Amino acid sequence: MNSTLELQKIATIEPSGHISAANVNEFQRQLSDIARSHQYSALLIDMSKVEFLDSAGLMVLVRAFREAQSLGRRLSICSVSPQVRIILELTQLDRVFEIFESRVAFESAVN
């Protein structure tokens, strides 16, 4: 008997600084392009360099999550700073998103 193992192709995006209404359009375009790409089955957003996230940034994350879900793709977040984690917890989005402590933790869960 032959068995085939299909490895997930994971795209990682690493935003930095402030994700706010002032710069959210580029971030949204990147997430949407990756979510729609047939090249990837999963998207990991590494938030280790994000210092601030406002409501516009949160909305982009939610839109990307919904788009990925509708296309049958996985969207996860890792390395969230304490400041951003508080925002996710206050909005209860920490219950929606799959959040990992680090890239290593994500990779362990995927394999």
Protein backbone atom coordinates (compact mmCIF):
# COMPACT_ATOMS: atom_id res chain seq x y z
CA MET A 1 0.00 0.00 0.00
CA ASN A 2 1.28 3.45 -0.95
CA SER A 3 0.64 6.47 1.15
CA THR A 4 1.12 10.07 0.19
CA LEU A 5 1.98 12.81 2.63
CA GLU A 6 1.09 16.29 1.45
CA LEU A 7 3.03 18.94 3.30
CA GLN A 8 1.28 22.18 4.05
CA LYS A 9 2.73 25.19 2.32
CA ILE A 10 2.77 27.98 4.86
CA ALA A 11 3.13 31.66 4.08
CA THR A 12 4.49 33.80 6.89
CA ILE A 13 3.95 37.52 7.04
CA GLU A 14 5.80 39.64 9.59
CA PRO A 15 4.28 43.10 10.04
CA SER A 16 6.15 45.60 12.18
CA GLY A 17 5.63 48.80 14.10
CA HIS A 18 2.13 50.21 14.27
CA ILE A 19 -0.80 48.67 12.39
CA SER A 20 -3.33 51.46 12.26
CA ALA A 21 -5.74 53.25 9.95
CA ALA A 22 -2.77 55.17 8.56
CA ASN A 23 -1.08 52.12 7.05
CA VAL A 24 -3.58 49.29 7.16
CA ASN A 25 -4.32 49.15 3.41
CA GLU A 26 -0.97 47.58 2.49
CA PHE A 27 -1.29 45.04 5.30
CA GLN A 28 -4.79 44.14 4.13
CA ARG A 29 -3.61 43.71 0.53
CA GLN A 30 -0.77 41.39 1.59
CA LEU A 31 -3.05 39.23 3.72
CA SER A 32 -5.72 39.04 1.04
CA ASP A 33 -3.21 38.13 -1.70
CA ILE A 34 -1.78 35.31 0.39
CA ALA A 35 -5.19 34.03 1.50
CA ARG A 36 -6.35 33.87 -2.13
CA SER A 37 -3.16 32.26 -3.39
CA HIS A 38 -3.52 28.61 -4.31
CA GLN A 39 0.16 28.25 -3.48
CA TYR A 40 -0.45 28.22 0.29
CA SER A 41 -2.72 26.19 2.55
CA ALA A 42 -1.93 28.20 5.68
CA LEU A 43 -0.99 31.71 6.67
CA LEU A 44 0.98 32.58 9.78
CA ILE A 45 1.09 36.18 10.98
CA ASP A 46 4.18 36.67 13.14
CA MET A 47 3.32 39.65 15.36
CA SER A 48 6.66 39.79 17.21
CA LYS A 49 7.54 43.19 15.73
CA VAL A 50 4.09 44.77 16.10
CA GLU A 51 4.09 47.46 18.79
CA PHE A 52 0.55 48.77 18.37
CA LEU A 53 -2.72 47.61 16.81
CA ASP A 54 -5.81 49.79 16.51
CA SER A 55 -9.39 48.95 15.52
CA ALA A 56 -8.56 49.25 11.81
CA GLY A 57 -5.79 46.69 12.26
CA LEU A 58 -8.14 44.39 14.16
CA MET A 59 -10.69 44.62 11.35
CA VAL A 60 -8.07 43.63 8.80
CA LEU A 61 -7.17 40.57 10.88
CA VAL A 62 -10.84 39.60 11.14
CA ARG A 63 -11.41 40.08 7.38
CA ALA A 64 -8.33 38.01 6.57
CA PHE A 65 -9.45 35.28 8.96
CA ARG A 66 -12.91 35.13 7.38
CA GLU A 67 -11.47 35.15 3.87
CA ALA A 68 -9.00 32.38 4.68
CA GLN A 69 -11.76 30.34 6.32
CA SER A 70 -14.07 30.74 3.33
CA LEU A 71 -11.27 29.50 1.07
CA GLY A 72 -10.47 26.52 3.30
CA ARG A 73 -7.16 27.92 4.45
CA ARG A 74 -5.74 28.17 7.96
CA LEU A 75 -4.82 31.54 9.46
CA SER A 76 -2.85 31.64 12.69
CA ILE A 77 -1.05 34.28 14.71
CA CYS A 78 2.14 33.91 16.74
CA SER A 79 4.50 35.91 18.95
CA VAL A 80 1.95 38.43 20.14
CA SER A 81 3.33 41.17 22.39
CA PRO A 82 1.64 41.80 25.75
CA GLN A 83 0.20 45.12 24.47
CA VAL A 84 -1.42 43.49 21.44
CA ARG A 85 -2.54 40.45 23.45
CA ILE A 86 -4.48 42.74 25.79
CA ILE A 87 -6.32 44.22 22.81
CA LEU A 88 -7.14 40.75 21.50
CA GLU A 89 -8.37 39.68 24.94
CA LEU A 90 -10.49 42.81 25.49
CA THR A 91 -12.20 42.28 22.13
CA GLN A 92 -12.40 38.52 22.78
CA LEU A 93 -10.64 37.90 19.49
CA ASP A 94 -8.18 35.70 21.37
CA ARG A 95 -11.04 33.17 21.33
CA VAL A 96 -11.42 33.45 17.55
CA PHE A 97 -7.83 33.36 16.39
CA GLU A 98 -5.49 30.45 16.75
CA ILE A 99 -2.64 32.11 18.67
CA PHE A 100 0.74 30.46 19.27
CA GLU A 101 3.50 31.65 21.58
CA SER A 102 6.12 31.40 18.81
CA ARG A 103 6.83 30.17 15.29
CA VAL A 104 8.32 27.03 16.80
CA ALA A 105 5.07 26.31 18.66
CA PHE A 106 3.11 26.81 15.44
CA GLU A 107 5.43 24.55 13.47
CA SER A 108 5.15 21.87 16.15
CA ALA A 109 1.35 22.02 15.95
CA VAL A 110 1.37 21.82 12.14
CA ASN A 111 3.71 18.82 11.94
